Amino acid sequence: MSGFNNITFILLTFLQVLGKENGEIQTEFP
């Protein structure tokens, strides 16, 4: 499951970057 968790972490980080670049999507993660 470590691989799945790693991919999920990358996806969440990718969404954060998109939100910061676009400024429209605000994702809140600790």
N, C-alpha and C. Protein backbone atom coordinates (compact mmCIF):
# COMPACT_ATOMS: atom_id res chain seq x y z
N MET A 1 0.83 -1.21 0.00
CA MET A 1 0.00 0.00 0.00
C MET A 1 0.87 1.26 0.00
N SER A 2 2.16 1.10 0.25
CA SER A 2 3.04 2.27 0.30
C SER A 2 3.06 2.97 -1.06
N GLY A 3 3.01 2.18 -2.12
CA GLY A 3 3.02 2.77 -3.46
C GLY A 3 1.76 3.57 -3.71
N PHE A 4 0.62 3.04 -3.26
CA PHE A 4 -0.66 3.74 -3.44
C PHE A 4 -0.66 5.05 -2.67
N ASN A 5 -0.16 4.98 -1.42
CA ASN A 5 -0.11 6.18 -0.60
C ASN A 5 0.82 7.22 -1.22
N ASN A 6 1.91 6.76 -1.81
CA ASN A 6 2.86 7.68 -2.43
C ASN A 6 2.22 8.40 -3.60
N ILE A 7 1.48 7.65 -4.42
CA ILE A 7 0.81 8.25 -5.58
C ILE A 7 -0.24 9.26 -5.11
N THR A 8 -0.97 8.90 -4.06
CA THR A 8 -1.99 9.81 -3.53
C THR A 8 -1.36 11.10 -3.04
N PHE A 9 -0.23 10.99 -2.36
CA PHE A 9 0.47 12.17 -1.85
C PHE A 9 0.91 13.07 -3.01
N ILE A 10 1.40 12.44 -4.08
CA ILE A 10 1.84 13.21 -5.25
C ILE A 10 0.65 13.92 -5.88
N LEU A 11 -0.48 13.23 -5.98
CA LEU A 11 -1.68 13.84 -6.58
C LEU A 11 -2.15 15.03 -5.74
N LEU A 12 -2.15 14.87 -4.41
CA LEU A 12 -2.59 15.96 -3.54
C LEU A 12 -1.65 17.15 -3.68
N THR A 13 -0.36 16.88 -3.73
CA THR A 13 0.62 17.96 -3.89
C THR A 13 0.43 18.65 -5.23
N PHE A 14 0.15 17.85 -6.28
CA PHE A 14 -0.07 18.41 -7.61
C PHE A 14 -1.28 19.33 -7.62
N LEU A 15 -2.33 18.92 -6.91
CA LEU A 15 -3.53 19.76 -6.82
C LEU A 15 -3.23 21.05 -6.08
N GLN A 16 -2.39 20.97 -5.04
CA GLN A 16 -2.00 22.17 -4.30
C GLN A 16 -1.27 23.15 -5.21
N VAL A 17 -0.35 22.63 -6.02
CA VAL A 17 0.42 23.49 -6.93
C VAL A 17 -0.51 24.15 -7.94
N LEU A 18 -1.46 23.38 -8.47
CA LEU A 18 -2.41 23.95 -9.43
C LEU A 18 -3.25 25.04 -8.77
N GLY A 19 -3.66 24.80 -7.54
CA GLY A 19 -4.47 25.79 -6.83
C GLY A 19 -3.69 27.07 -6.58
N LYS A 20 -2.41 26.95 -6.27
CA LYS A 20 -1.59 28.13 -6.00
C LYS A 20 -1.32 28.89 -7.30
N GLU A 21 -1.16 28.17 -8.41
CA GLU A 21 -0.86 28.82 -9.68
C GLU A 21 -2.11 29.50 -10.24
N ASN A 22 -3.23 28.79 -10.19
CA ASN A 22 -4.47 29.33 -10.75
C ASN A 22 -5.09 30.36 -9.81
N GLY A 23 -5.03 30.07 -8.52
CA GLY A 23 -5.60 30.98 -7.54
C GLY A 23 -7.11 30.81 -7.44
N GLU A 24 -7.68 29.92 -8.26
CA GLU A 24 -9.13 29.71 -8.22
C GLU A 24 -9.46 28.56 -7.29
N ILE A 25 -8.65 27.49 -7.38
CA ILE A 25 -8.89 26.32 -6.55
C ILE A 25 -8.11 26.44 -5.25
N GLN A 26 -8.82 26.40 -4.12
CA GLN A 26 -8.15 26.50 -2.83
C GLN A 26 -8.24 25.16 -2.11
N THR A 27 -7.12 24.43 -2.11
CA THR A 27 -7.10 23.14 -1.43
C THR A 27 -6.45 23.30 -0.07
N GLU A 28 -7.11 22.77 0.95
CA GLU A 28 -6.57 22.90 2.30
C GLU A 28 -6.08 21.55 2.79
N PHE A 29 -4.76 21.42 2.92
CA PHE A 29 -4.15 20.21 3.46
C PHE A 29 -3.13 20.59 4.52
N PRO A 30 -3.04 19.82 5.56
CA PRO A 30 -2.08 20.12 6.63
C PRO A 30 -0.64 20.03 6.15
